[in-house]
Amino acid sequence: MMKLWMAAVLLAPLALLAAEKHDAEAVKKDVQRHRAMAAAHEQMAKCLESNKGHDTCQRQLQDACKGLGIGKYCGMKHEH
């Protein structure tokens, strides 16, 4: 019983380190996703500035955001 308790005490810090690493990796992936979404929205803005038309630019945004944002507006929707 004492050995089991000692093992738990010794392994607990390792478990915390593993959890922190996982959290750091999750944050890093989240940051990358947000940057990719921001880049897609910047491309949308440039497309609109070039007068290609809202529908054309919207399709480009949807293609650029596949797998990134939720819904067809890449995580952002506003009034037109």
Protein backbone atom coordinates (compact mmCIF):
# COMPACT_ATOMS: atom_id res chain seq x y z
CA MET A 1 0.00 0.00 0.00
CA MET A 2 2.84 2.40 0.85
CA LYS A 3 4.55 1.73 -2.50
CA LEU A 4 1.37 2.54 -4.39
CA TRP A 5 0.98 5.81 -2.50
CA MET A 6 4.65 6.74 -3.16
CA ALA A 7 4.25 5.96 -6.85
CA ALA A 8 1.19 8.21 -7.02
CA VAL A 9 3.03 11.04 -5.29
CA LEU A 10 6.04 10.69 -7.58
CA LEU A 11 4.01 10.43 -10.79
CA ALA A 12 1.60 13.30 -10.08
CA PRO A 13 4.07 16.04 -11.16
CA LEU A 14 4.72 14.18 -14.41
CA ALA A 15 1.01 14.06 -15.12
CA LEU A 16 0.78 17.82 -14.54
CA LEU A 17 3.67 18.45 -16.92
CA ALA A 18 2.01 16.33 -19.58
CA ALA A 19 -1.27 18.25 -19.13
CA GLU A 20 0.52 21.59 -19.41
CA LYS A 21 2.26 20.46 -22.59
CA HIS A 22 -1.05 19.33 -24.05
CA ASP A 23 -2.64 22.65 -23.15
CA ALA A 24 0.26 24.55 -24.72
CA GLU A 25 -0.07 22.50 -27.90
CA ALA A 26 -3.83 23.09 -28.01
CA VAL A 27 -3.29 26.83 -27.59
CA LYS A 28 -0.67 26.82 -30.35
CA LYS A 29 -3.08 25.06 -32.74
CA ASP A 30 -5.87 27.48 -31.80
CA VAL A 31 -3.60 30.45 -32.52
CA GLN A 32 -2.72 28.98 -35.92
CA ARG A 33 -6.41 28.48 -36.75
CA HIS A 34 -7.24 32.07 -35.79
CA ARG A 35 -4.38 33.40 -37.92
CA ALA A 36 -5.56 31.32 -40.87
CA MET A 37 -9.12 32.65 -40.42
CA ALA A 38 -7.78 36.21 -40.18
CA ALA A 39 -5.80 35.71 -43.40
CA ALA A 40 -8.91 34.37 -45.14
CA HIS A 41 -10.90 37.42 -44.01
CA GLU A 42 -8.12 39.73 -45.18
CA GLN A 43 -8.29 38.03 -48.59
CA MET A 44 -12.06 38.58 -48.55
CA ALA A 45 -11.56 42.29 -47.89
CA LYS A 46 -9.02 42.58 -50.73
CA CYS A 47 -11.36 40.67 -53.04
CA LEU A 48 -14.20 43.08 -52.23
CA GLU A 49 -11.89 46.07 -52.79
CA SER A 50 -11.06 44.70 -56.24
CA ASN A 51 -14.78 44.84 -57.17
CA LYS A 52 -15.02 41.13 -57.98
CA GLY A 53 -18.46 41.04 -56.40
CA HIS A 54 -19.72 39.83 -53.06
CA ASP A 55 -20.78 36.37 -54.24
CA THR A 56 -17.40 35.63 -55.85
CA CYS A 57 -15.53 36.83 -52.78
CA GLN A 58 -17.85 34.90 -50.48
CA ARG A 59 -17.12 31.67 -52.37
CA GLN A 60 -13.39 32.34 -52.06
CA LEU A 61 -13.79 32.89 -48.32
CA GLN A 62 -15.74 29.68 -47.93
CA ASP A 63 -13.06 27.73 -49.83
CA ALA A 64 -10.26 29.29 -47.77
CA CYS A 65 -12.04 28.53 -44.50
CA LYS A 66 -12.91 24.88 -45.00
CA GLY A 67 -12.11 23.12 -41.76
CA LEU A 68 -11.25 26.33 -39.89
CA GLY A 69 -14.33 28.21 -38.81
CA ILE A 70 -17.81 27.19 -37.86
CA GLY A 71 -20.48 27.75 -40.47
CA LYS A 72 -20.18 29.21 -43.91
CA TYR A 73 -18.89 32.59 -42.75
CA CYS A 74 -15.60 31.34 -41.29
CA GLY A 75 -16.50 32.23 -37.73
CA MET A 76 -17.74 35.74 -38.56
CA LYS A 77 -21.05 37.11 -39.77
CA HIS A 78 -22.27 40.66 -39.98
CA GLU A 79 -25.00 42.67 -41.65
CA HIS A 80 -24.37 43.58 -45.28
